[in-house]
Amino acid sequence: MPRLRSRYKKFRDGGVVRSDGSVAGTITPEPLEVQVDTALADIAADKATEHLLNAVESPQQHTTSIDVPTDEASSAFLKQIEDLRNAEQIQRQRQAAPAPTALPGTPEERLQLWRRQGVSEDDAEHLNELIEFPAITAEAVRDVERQGLNPNTREYHQAVRASFENHLLDRLHKPPERKAPKQVDRGGYVEPEQLGPAERNRSSLVSAPPSRDTFANGSYNSYGDRPGTVRLSKAQLEAAAFSGITPREYAEQLLRLREEKENGNYHGGQP
């Protein structure tokens, strides 16, 4: 009886009951086949992911086929996509950027490099001074940082230059330190004036008149000058005039600073 009743219900709903229990005029669903780790599964997954990305990025164009939730999860998902794209772009830019070029070792070579790069003569000579006296440069930078200036502005670099020149003038006007008497083998002491010429303090050397000419040949020191000569830049000549000393006096003081630096006695004005 239950079986006949079931067939009757199917017939009542609009179909003729066959002997196998199916109803005529209806579609028998095919069994579901699940694809895992197959080519068809990969194609279906790629299509679904592409559709989801397009829907998240342009929800107005896909409202008929998919509802994009406007909650925190979708916003976070969209932000991750944007961050990933930005990171890839930054990586490509870094790979395409040329490697930094090391600066030449001598001031004259650096001047030639900066001239080729379009740096003005005055700015190039000032950059050489910053490299030549790094301790004074650090003091100048600290002074300007206390003022809160933006390092990416012209005003910042002008302030660093002014502070550097002030510190350099203070250092040039500082009298040379007197070395302690040298102890000799016999247990006594001897004043520097009693030493031989090779042992005397080299800060007593007097330089030749400063020149800004470039020598074509001959021996040069690490600054690109002939021994006993100093080539003053335009800024250095102006600094000498501003401080009330002659270019020769300025050059002599600059030589003294260089000698102290080479002998390990230079501390950038620090005690």
C-alpha atoms as a PDB file:
ATOM      1  CA  MET A   1       0.000   0.000   0.000  1.00  0.00           C
ATOM      2  CA  PRO A   2       2.709   2.641   0.774  1.00  0.00           C
ATOM      3  CA  ARG A   3       4.325   2.006  -2.603  1.00  0.00           C
ATOM      4  CA  LEU A   4       1.064   2.472  -4.494  1.00  0.00           C
ATOM      5  CA  ARG A   5       0.368   5.615  -2.511  1.00  0.00           C
ATOM      6  CA  SER A   6       3.768   7.029  -3.457  1.00  0.00           C
ATOM      7  CA  ARG A   7       3.155   6.321  -7.138  1.00  0.00           C
ATOM      8  CA  TYR A   8      -0.234   7.885  -6.874  1.00  0.00           C
ATOM      9  CA  LYS A   9       1.252  11.086  -5.494  1.00  0.00           C
ATOM     10  CA  LYS A  10       3.733  11.247  -8.337  1.00  0.00           C
ATOM     11  CA  PHE A  11       0.937  10.692 -10.862  1.00  0.00           C
ATOM     12  CA  ARG A  12      -1.134  13.356  -9.114  1.00  0.00           C
ATOM     13  CA  ASP A  13       1.717  15.845  -9.423  1.00  0.00           C
ATOM     14  CA  GLY A  14       1.613  15.592 -13.216  1.00  0.00           C
ATOM     15  CA  GLY A  15       3.613  12.632 -14.397  1.00  0.00           C
ATOM     16  CA  VAL A  16       3.141   9.073 -15.484  1.00  0.00           C
ATOM     17  CA  VAL A  17       4.850   6.619 -13.198  1.00  0.00           C
ATOM     18  CA  ARG A  18       7.148   4.169 -14.974  1.00  0.00           C
ATOM     19  CA  SER A  19       7.938   0.682 -13.799  1.00  0.00           C
ATOM     20  CA  ASP A  20      11.306   1.788 -12.413  1.00  0.00           C
ATOM     21  CA  GLY A  21       9.623   4.403 -10.228  1.00  0.00           C
ATOM     22  CA  SER A  22      10.601   7.433 -12.322  1.00  0.00           C
ATOM     23  CA  VAL A  23       8.061   9.978 -13.448  1.00  0.00           C
ATOM     24  CA  ALA A  24       7.628  10.738 -17.130  1.00  0.00           C
ATOM     25  CA  GLY A  25       8.123  14.368 -18.171  1.00  0.00           C
ATOM     26  CA  THR A  26      10.724  15.122 -15.520  1.00  0.00           C
ATOM     27  CA  ILE A  27      14.543  15.425 -15.754  1.00  0.00           C
ATOM     28  CA  THR A  28      16.544  13.010 -13.727  1.00  0.00           C
ATOM     29  CA  PRO A  29      19.559  14.847 -12.245  1.00  0.00           C
ATOM     30  CA  GLU A  30      23.008  13.548 -13.149  1.00  0.00           C
ATOM     31  CA  PRO A  31      25.176  12.435 -10.248  1.00  0.00           C
ATOM     32  CA  LEU A  32      27.615  15.166  -9.050  1.00  0.00           C
ATOM     33  CA  GLU A  33      31.248  14.527 -10.004  1.00  0.00           C
ATOM     34  CA  VAL A  34      33.848  16.356  -7.904  1.00  0.00           C
ATOM     35  CA  GLN A  35      37.132  17.250  -9.655  1.00  0.00           C
ATOM     36  CA  VAL A  36      40.216  17.543  -7.397  1.00  0.00           C
ATOM     37  CA  ASP A  37      43.795  18.188  -8.603  1.00  0.00           C
ATOM     38  CA  THR A  38      42.836  17.918 -12.248  1.00  0.00           C
ATOM     39  CA  ALA A  39      43.063  20.237 -15.232  1.00  0.00           C
ATOM     40  CA  LEU A  40      39.303  20.867 -15.083  1.00  0.00           C
ATOM     41  CA  ALA A  41      39.525  21.740 -11.398  1.00  0.00           C
ATOM     42  CA  ASP A  42      42.355  24.233 -12.025  1.00  0.00           C
ATOM     43  CA  ILE A  43      40.414  25.933 -14.823  1.00  0.00           C
ATOM     44  CA  ALA A  44      37.337  26.231 -12.648  1.00  0.00           C
ATOM     45  CA  ALA A  45      39.360  27.640  -9.728  1.00  0.00           C
ATOM     46  CA  ASP A  46      41.080  30.226 -11.942  1.00  0.00           C
ATOM     47  CA  LYS A  47      37.739  31.351 -13.344  1.00  0.00           C
ATOM     48  CA  ALA A  48      36.232  31.665  -9.882  1.00  0.00           C
ATOM     49  CA  THR A  49      39.220  33.653  -8.557  1.00  0.00           C
ATOM     50  CA  GLU A  50      39.247  35.985 -11.569  1.00  0.00           C
ATOM     51  CA  HIS A  51      35.534  36.618 -11.178  1.00  0.00           C
ATOM     52  CA  LEU A  52      35.941  37.333  -7.456  1.00  0.00           C
ATOM     53  CA  LEU A  53      38.787  39.803  -8.030  1.00  0.00           C
ATOM     54  CA  ASN A  54      36.830  41.641 -10.702  1.00  0.00           C
ATOM     55  CA  ALA A  55      33.807  41.768  -8.458  1.00  0.00           C
ATOM     56  CA  VAL A  56      35.774  43.162  -5.507  1.00  0.00           C
ATOM     57  CA  GLU A  57      37.531  45.778  -7.621  1.00  0.00           C
ATOM     58  CA  SER A  58      34.415  46.819  -9.587  1.00  0.00           C
ATOM     59  CA  PRO A  59      31.354  45.836  -7.534  1.00  0.00           C
ATOM     60  CA  GLN A  60      29.003  48.048  -9.559  1.00  0.00           C
ATOM     61  CA  GLN A  61      29.636  46.010 -12.732  1.00  0.00           C
ATOM     62  CA  HIS A  62      28.934  42.618 -11.148  1.00  0.00           C
ATOM     63  CA  THR A  63      25.886  43.172  -8.975  1.00  0.00           C
ATOM     64  CA  THR A  64      23.801  40.902 -11.223  1.00  0.00           C
ATOM     65  CA  SER A  65      26.007  37.852 -10.793  1.00  0.00           C
ATOM     66  CA  ILE A  66      27.625  38.234  -7.373  1.00  0.00           C
ATOM     67  CA  ASP A  67      26.911  40.225  -4.253  1.00  0.00           C
ATOM     68  CA  VAL A  68      30.099  41.813  -2.882  1.00  0.00           C
ATOM     69  CA  PRO A  69      29.921  42.393   0.864  1.00  0.00           C
ATOM     70  CA  THR A  70      30.980  45.886   1.888  1.00  0.00           C
ATOM     71  CA  ASP A  71      32.324  44.787   5.249  1.00  0.00           C
ATOM     72  CA  GLU A  72      35.776  44.922   6.816  1.00  0.00           C
ATOM     73  CA  ALA A  73      36.800  41.577   5.325  1.00  0.00           C
ATOM     74  CA  SER A  74      36.329  42.723   1.736  1.00  0.00           C
ATOM     75  CA  SER A  75      38.115  46.011   2.463  1.00  0.00           C
ATOM     76  CA  ALA A  76      41.055  44.163   3.983  1.00  0.00           C
ATOM     77  CA  PHE A  77      41.179  41.808   1.009  1.00  0.00           C
ATOM     78  CA  LEU A  78      41.235  44.728  -1.415  1.00  0.00           C
ATOM     79  CA  LYS A  79      43.992  46.442   0.577  1.00  0.00           C
ATOM     80  CA  GLN A  80      46.139  43.308   0.463  1.00  0.00           C
ATOM     81  CA  ILE A  81      45.841  43.224  -3.306  1.00  0.00           C
ATOM     82  CA  GLU A  82      46.849  46.892  -3.556  1.00  0.00           C
ATOM     83  CA  ASP A  83      49.809  46.421  -1.185  1.00  0.00           C
ATOM     84  CA  LEU A  84      51.004  43.443  -3.207  1.00  0.00           C
ATOM     85  CA  ARG A  85      50.895  45.414  -6.437  1.00  0.00           C
ATOM     86  CA  ASN A  86      52.753  48.347  -4.843  1.00  0.00           C
ATOM     87  CA  ALA A  87      55.438  46.026  -3.477  1.00  0.00           C
ATOM     88  CA  GLU A  88      55.953  44.479  -6.906  1.00  0.00           C
ATOM     89  CA  GLN A  89      56.233  47.925  -8.493  1.00  0.00           C
ATOM     90  CA  ILE A  90      58.797  49.076  -5.910  1.00  0.00           C
ATOM     91  CA  GLN A  91      60.812  45.901  -6.469  1.00  0.00           C
ATOM     92  CA  ARG A  92      60.863  46.484 -10.228  1.00  0.00           C
ATOM     93  CA  GLN A  93      61.977  50.089  -9.719  1.00  0.00           C
ATOM     94  CA  ARG A  94      64.822  49.008  -7.412  1.00  0.00           C
ATOM     95  CA  GLN A  95      66.013  46.424  -9.914  1.00  0.00           C
ATOM     96  CA  ALA A  96      65.970  48.988 -12.721  1.00  0.00           C
ATOM     97  CA  ALA A  97      67.777  51.681 -10.687  1.00  0.00           C
ATOM     98  CA  PRO A  98      71.522  52.006 -11.423  1.00  0.00           C
ATOM     99  CA  ALA A  99      73.971  51.026  -8.705  1.00  0.00           C
ATOM    100  CA  PRO A 100      75.439  53.958  -6.736  1.00  0.00           C
ATOM    101  CA  THR A 101      78.862  55.095  -7.913  1.00  0.00           C
ATOM    102  CA  ALA A 102      81.634  55.371  -5.330  1.00  0.00           C
ATOM    103  CA  LEU A 103      83.201  58.817  -5.053  1.00  0.00           C
ATOM    104  CA  PRO A 104      86.821  59.218  -6.211  1.00  0.00           C
ATOM    105  CA  GLY A 105      89.503  59.405  -3.558  1.00  0.00           C
ATOM    106  CA  THR A 106      91.028  62.818  -4.304  1.00  0.00           C
ATOM    107  CA  PRO A 107      89.317  66.239  -4.241  1.00  0.00           C
ATOM    108  CA  GLU A 108      90.387  67.030  -7.804  1.00  0.00           C
ATOM    109  CA  GLU A 109      88.860  63.814  -9.143  1.00  0.00           C
ATOM    110  CA  ARG A 110      85.650  64.515  -7.242  1.00  0.00           C
ATOM    111  CA  LEU A 111      85.525  68.037  -8.703  1.00  0.00           C
ATOM    112  CA  GLN A 112      85.870  66.637 -12.208  1.00  0.00           C
ATOM    113  CA  LEU A 113      83.087  64.112 -11.555  1.00  0.00           C
ATOM    114  CA  TRP A 114      80.693  66.735 -10.185  1.00  0.00           C
ATOM    115  CA  ARG A 115      81.445  69.102 -13.066  1.00  0.00           C
ATOM    116  CA  ARG A 116      80.466  66.368 -15.512  1.00  0.00           C
ATOM    117  CA  GLN A 117      77.234  65.893 -13.547  1.00  0.00           C
ATOM    118  CA  GLY A 118      76.381  69.584 -13.887  1.00  0.00           C
ATOM    119  CA  VAL A 119      77.219  70.694 -10.330  1.00  0.00           C
ATOM    120  CA  SER A 120      78.311  74.326 -10.138  1.00  0.00           C
ATOM    121  CA  GLU A 121      81.945  75.091  -9.330  1.00  0.00           C
ATOM    122  CA  ASP A 122      81.046  76.744  -6.032  1.00  0.00           C
ATOM    123  CA  ASP A 123      78.827  73.884  -4.849  1.00  0.00           C
ATOM    124  CA  ALA A 124      81.395  71.277  -5.907  1.00  0.00           C
ATOM    125  CA  GLU A 125      84.156  72.969  -3.913  1.00  0.00           C
ATOM    126  CA  HIS A 126      81.856  73.206  -0.903  1.00  0.00           C
ATOM    127  CA  LEU A 127      81.073  69.472  -1.138  1.00  0.00           C
ATOM    128  CA  ASN A 128      84.801  68.777  -1.130  1.00  0.00           C
ATOM    129  CA  GLU A 129      85.155  70.799   2.075  1.00  0.00           C
ATOM    130  CA  LEU A 130      82.367  68.786   3.718  1.00  0.00           C
ATOM    131  CA  ILE A 131      84.213  65.559   2.870  1.00  0.00           C
ATOM    132  CA  GLU A 132      87.600  66.962   3.888  1.00  0.00           C
ATOM    133  CA  PHE A 133      86.443  67.856   7.426  1.00  0.00           C
ATOM    134  CA  PRO A 134      83.747  65.321   8.401  1.00  0.00           C
ATOM    135  CA  ALA A 135      83.773  66.249  12.102  1.00  0.00           C
ATOM    136  CA  ILE A 136      82.983  69.900  11.334  1.00  0.00           C
ATOM    137  CA  THR A 137      80.329  68.733   8.868  1.00  0.00           C
ATOM    138  CA  ALA A 138      78.698  66.646  11.608  1.00  0.00           C
ATOM    139  CA  GLU A 139      78.656  69.671  13.933  1.00  0.00           C
ATOM    140  CA  ALA A 140      77.035  71.803  11.238  1.00  0.00           C
ATOM    141  CA  VAL A 141      74.369  69.182  10.546  1.00  0.00           C
ATOM    142  CA  ARG A 142      73.550  68.899  14.261  1.00  0.00           C
ATOM    143  CA  ASP A 143      73.189  72.681  14.489  1.00  0.00           C
ATOM    144  CA  VAL A 144      70.719  72.764  11.605  1.00  0.00           C
ATOM    145  CA  GLU A 145      68.755  69.740  12.833  1.00  0.00           C
ATOM    146  CA  ARG A 146      68.068  71.597  16.066  1.00  0.00           C
ATOM    147  CA  GLN A 147      66.351  74.277  13.960  1.00  0.00           C
ATOM    148  CA  GLY A 148      63.888  71.710  12.616  1.00  0.00           C
ATOM    149  CA  LEU A 149      64.495  72.474   8.927  1.00  0.00           C
ATOM    150  CA  ASN A 150      63.387  70.047   6.224  1.00  0.00           C
ATOM    151  CA  PRO A 151      66.458  68.228   4.797  1.00  0.00           C
ATOM    152  CA  ASN A 152      64.844  68.187   1.350  1.00  0.00           C
ATOM    153  CA  THR A 153      64.852  71.978   0.993  1.00  0.00           C
ATOM    154  CA  ARG A 154      67.437  74.428  -0.323  1.00  0.00           C
ATOM    155  CA  GLU A 155      67.136  76.372   2.932  1.00  0.00           C
ATOM    156  CA  TYR A 156      68.415  73.360   4.894  1.00  0.00           C
ATOM    157  CA  HIS A 157      71.575  72.994   2.776  1.00  0.00           C
ATOM    158  CA  GLN A 158      72.266  76.724   2.901  1.00  0.00           C
ATOM    159  CA  ALA A 159      72.013  76.611   6.699  1.00  0.00           C
ATOM    160  CA  VAL A 160      74.420  73.637   6.832  1.00  0.00           C
ATOM    161  CA  ARG A 161      76.887  75.533   4.666  1.00  0.00           C
ATOM    162  CA  ALA A 162      76.737  78.657   6.828  1.00  0.00           C
ATOM    163  CA  SER A 163      77.171  76.641  10.031  1.00  0.00           C
ATOM    164  CA  PHE A 164      80.060  74.670   8.510  1.00  0.00           C
ATOM    165  CA  GLU A 165      81.911  77.842   7.513  1.00  0.00           C
ATOM    166  CA  ASN A 166      81.431  79.311  11.003  1.00  0.00           C
ATOM    167  CA  HIS A 167      82.848  76.191  12.659  1.00  0.00           C
ATOM    168  CA  LEU A 168      85.728  76.092  10.180  1.00  0.00           C
ATOM    169  CA  LEU A 169      86.628  79.730  10.875  1.00  0.00           C
ATOM    170  CA  ASP A 170      86.548  79.066  14.618  1.00  0.00           C
ATOM    171  CA  ARG A 171      88.880  76.137  14.107  1.00  0.00           C
ATOM    172  CA  LEU A 172      91.233  78.140  11.887  1.00  0.00           C
ATOM    173  CA  HIS A 173      91.502  80.912  14.467  1.00  0.00           C
ATOM    174  CA  LYS A 174      92.253  78.456  17.265  1.00  0.00           C
ATOM    175  CA  PRO A 175      95.991  78.533  18.123  1.00  0.00           C
ATOM    176  CA  PRO A 176      97.894  75.292  17.524  1.00  0.00           C
ATOM    177  CA  GLU A 177      98.235  73.011  20.518  1.00  0.00           C
ATOM    178  CA  ARG A 178     101.709  72.891  22.048  1.00  0.00           C
ATOM    179  CA  LYS A 179     103.067  69.378  22.088  1.00  0.00           C
ATOM    180  CA  ALA A 180     104.419  67.923  25.315  1.00  0.00           C
ATOM    181  CA  PRO A 181     108.228  67.722  25.631  1.00  0.00           C
ATOM    182  CA  LYS A 182     109.652  64.580  24.129  1.00  0.00           C
ATOM    183  CA  GLN A 183     111.308  62.092  26.458  1.00  0.00           C
ATOM    184  CA  VAL A 184     114.759  60.971  25.325  1.00  0.00           C
ATOM    185  CA  ASP A 185     116.686  57.815  26.082  1.00  0.00           C
ATOM    186  CA  ARG A 186     118.798  59.391  28.799  1.00  0.00           C
ATOM    187  CA  GLY A 187     115.692  59.994  30.916  1.00  0.00           C
ATOM    188  CA  GLY A 188     115.443  63.760  30.397  1.00  0.00           C
ATOM    189  CA  TYR A 189     113.147  65.901  28.270  1.00  0.00           C
ATOM    190  CA  VAL A 190     113.795  68.117  25.307  1.00  0.00           C
ATOM    191  CA  GLU A 191     111.675  70.948  23.933  1.00  0.00           C
ATOM    192  CA  PRO A 192     110.360  70.666  20.355  1.00  0.00           C
ATOM    193  CA  GLU A 193     112.672  73.512  19.295  1.00  0.00           C
ATOM    194  CA  GLN A 194     115.653  71.326  20.216  1.00  0.00           C
ATOM    195  CA  LEU A 195     114.623  68.484  17.918  1.00  0.00           C
ATOM    196  CA  GLY A 196     115.931  67.937  14.428  1.00  0.00           C
ATOM    197  CA  PRO A 197     114.046  69.292  11.410  1.00  0.00           C
ATOM    198  CA  ALA A 198     112.382  65.954  10.682  1.00  0.00           C
ATOM    199  CA  GLU A 199     111.025  65.711  14.235  1.00  0.00           C
ATOM    200  CA  ARG A 200     109.704  69.228  14.649  1.00  0.00           C
ATOM    201  CA  ASN A 201     106.020  69.936  14.696  1.00  0.00           C
ATOM    202  CA  ARG A 202     104.976  70.215  11.047  1.00  0.00           C
ATOM    203  CA  SER A 203     102.363  72.849  11.939  1.00  0.00           C
ATOM    204  CA  SER A 204     105.191  75.407  11.871  1.00  0.00           C
ATOM    205  CA  LEU A 205     105.564  74.980   8.113  1.00  0.00           C
ATOM    206  CA  VAL A 206     104.686  78.022   6.037  1.00  0.00           C
ATOM    207  CA  SER A 207     102.797  77.386   2.844  1.00  0.00           C
ATOM    208  CA  ALA A 208     103.507  78.922  -0.506  1.00  0.00           C
ATOM    209  CA  PRO A 209     101.035  81.525  -1.794  1.00  0.00           C
ATOM    210  CA  PRO A 210      97.665  79.847  -2.447  1.00  0.00           C
ATOM    211  CA  SER A 211      96.834  79.072  -6.029  1.00  0.00           C
ATOM    212  CA  ARG A 212      93.767  77.733  -7.773  1.00  0.00           C
ATOM    213  CA  ASP A 213      95.667  76.627 -10.874  1.00  0.00           C
ATOM    214  CA  THR A 214      95.731  72.967 -11.875  1.00  0.00           C
ATOM    215  CA  PHE A 215      99.198  71.519 -12.375  1.00  0.00           C
ATOM    216  CA  ALA A 216      99.668  69.259 -15.367  1.00  0.00           C
ATOM    217  CA  ASN A 217     102.460  67.183 -13.850  1.00  0.00           C
ATOM    218  CA  GLY A 218     104.603  66.781 -10.769  1.00  0.00           C
ATOM    219  CA  SER A 219     103.921  65.273  -7.347  1.00  0.00           C
ATOM    220  CA  TYR A 220     100.673  65.936  -5.499  1.00  0.00           C
ATOM    221  CA  ASN A 221      99.312  65.332  -2.035  1.00  0.00           C
ATOM    222  CA  SER A 222      96.014  63.630  -1.213  1.00  0.00           C
ATOM    223  CA  TYR A 223      94.168  66.917  -1.792  1.00  0.00           C
ATOM    224  CA  GLY A 224      95.382  67.255  -5.382  1.00  0.00           C
ATOM    225  CA  ASP A 225      97.861  70.050  -4.508  1.00  0.00           C
ATOM    226  CA  ARG A 226     101.605  70.281  -4.828  1.00  0.00           C
ATOM    227  CA  PRO A 227     103.401  69.855  -1.496  1.00  0.00           C
ATOM    228  CA  GLY A 228     103.451  73.164   0.360  1.00  0.00           C
ATOM    229  CA  THR A 229     100.612  74.705  -1.656  1.00  0.00           C
ATOM    230  CA  VAL A 230      96.917  75.170  -1.007  1.00  0.00           C
ATOM    231  CA  ARG A 231      94.290  75.895  -3.622  1.00  0.00           C
ATOM    232  CA  LEU A 232      91.588  78.031  -2.039  1.00  0.00           C
ATOM    233  CA  SER A 233      88.057  77.843  -3.355  1.00  0.00           C
ATOM    234  CA  LYS A 234      85.930  80.892  -3.984  1.00  0.00           C
ATOM    235  CA  ALA A 235      84.069  80.263  -0.737  1.00  0.00           C
ATOM    236  CA  GLN A 236      87.358  79.985   1.190  1.00  0.00           C
ATOM    237  CA  LEU A 237      88.631  83.254  -0.250  1.00  0.00           C
ATOM    238  CA  GLU A 238      85.374  84.923   0.771  1.00  0.00           C
ATOM    239  CA  ALA A 239      85.633  83.390   4.250  1.00  0.00           C
ATOM    240  CA  ALA A 240      89.181  84.726   4.629  1.00  0.00           C
ATOM    241  CA  ALA A 241      88.066  88.225   3.640  1.00  0.00           C
ATOM    242  CA  PHE A 242      85.080  88.023   5.979  1.00  0.00           C
ATOM    243  CA  SER A 243      87.271  87.001   8.927  1.00  0.00           C
ATOM    244  CA  GLY A 244      89.776  89.791   8.261  1.00  0.00           C
ATOM    245  CA  ILE A 245      92.782  87.631   7.394  1.00  0.00           C
ATOM    246  CA  THR A 246      94.777  87.356   4.194  1.00  0.00           C
ATOM    247  CA  PRO A 247      94.414  84.367   1.847  1.00  0.00           C
ATOM    248  CA  ARG A 248      97.967  83.344   2.788  1.00  0.00           C
ATOM    249  CA  GLU A 249      97.087  83.302   6.502  1.00  0.00           C
ATOM    250  CA  TYR A 250      93.934  81.332   5.739  1.00  0.00           C
ATOM    251  CA  ALA A 251      95.976  78.839   3.695  1.00  0.00           C
ATOM    252  CA  GLU A 252      98.525  78.438   6.492  1.00  0.00           C
ATOM    253  CA  GLN A 253      95.777  77.674   9.001  1.00  0.00           C
ATOM    254  CA  LEU A 254      94.190  75.236   6.546  1.00  0.00           C
ATOM    255  CA  LEU A 255      97.516  73.473   6.110  1.00  0.00           C
ATOM    256  CA  ARG A 256      97.808  73.199   9.877  1.00  0.00           C
ATOM    257  CA  LEU A 257      94.390  71.574  10.078  1.00  0.00           C
ATOM    258  CA  ARG A 258      95.350  69.097   7.377  1.00  0.00           C
ATOM    259  CA  GLU A 259      98.594  68.237   9.141  1.00  0.00           C
ATOM    260  CA  GLU A 260      96.750  67.669  12.422  1.00  0.00           C
ATOM    261  CA  LYS A 261      94.299  65.417  10.616  1.00  0.00           C
ATOM    262  CA  GLU A 262      97.072  63.351   9.018  1.00  0.00           C
ATOM    263  CA  ASN A 263      98.934  63.077  12.354  1.00  0.00           C
ATOM    264  CA  GLY A 264      95.813  61.938  14.210  1.00  0.00           C
ATOM    265  CA  ASN A 265      95.579  65.090  16.334  1.00  0.00           C
ATOM    266  CA  TYR A 266      92.464  66.499  14.658  1.00  0.00           C
ATOM    267  CA  HIS A 267      89.153  66.122  16.485  1.00  0.00           C
ATOM    268  CA  GLY A 268      86.965  68.630  14.665  1.00  0.00           C
ATOM    269  CA  GLY A 269      87.138  71.239  17.391  1.00  0.00           C
ATOM    270  CA  GLN A 270      86.241  68.773  20.161  1.00  0.00           C
ATOM    271  CA  PRO A 271      88.363  68.774  23.333  1.00  0.00           C
END
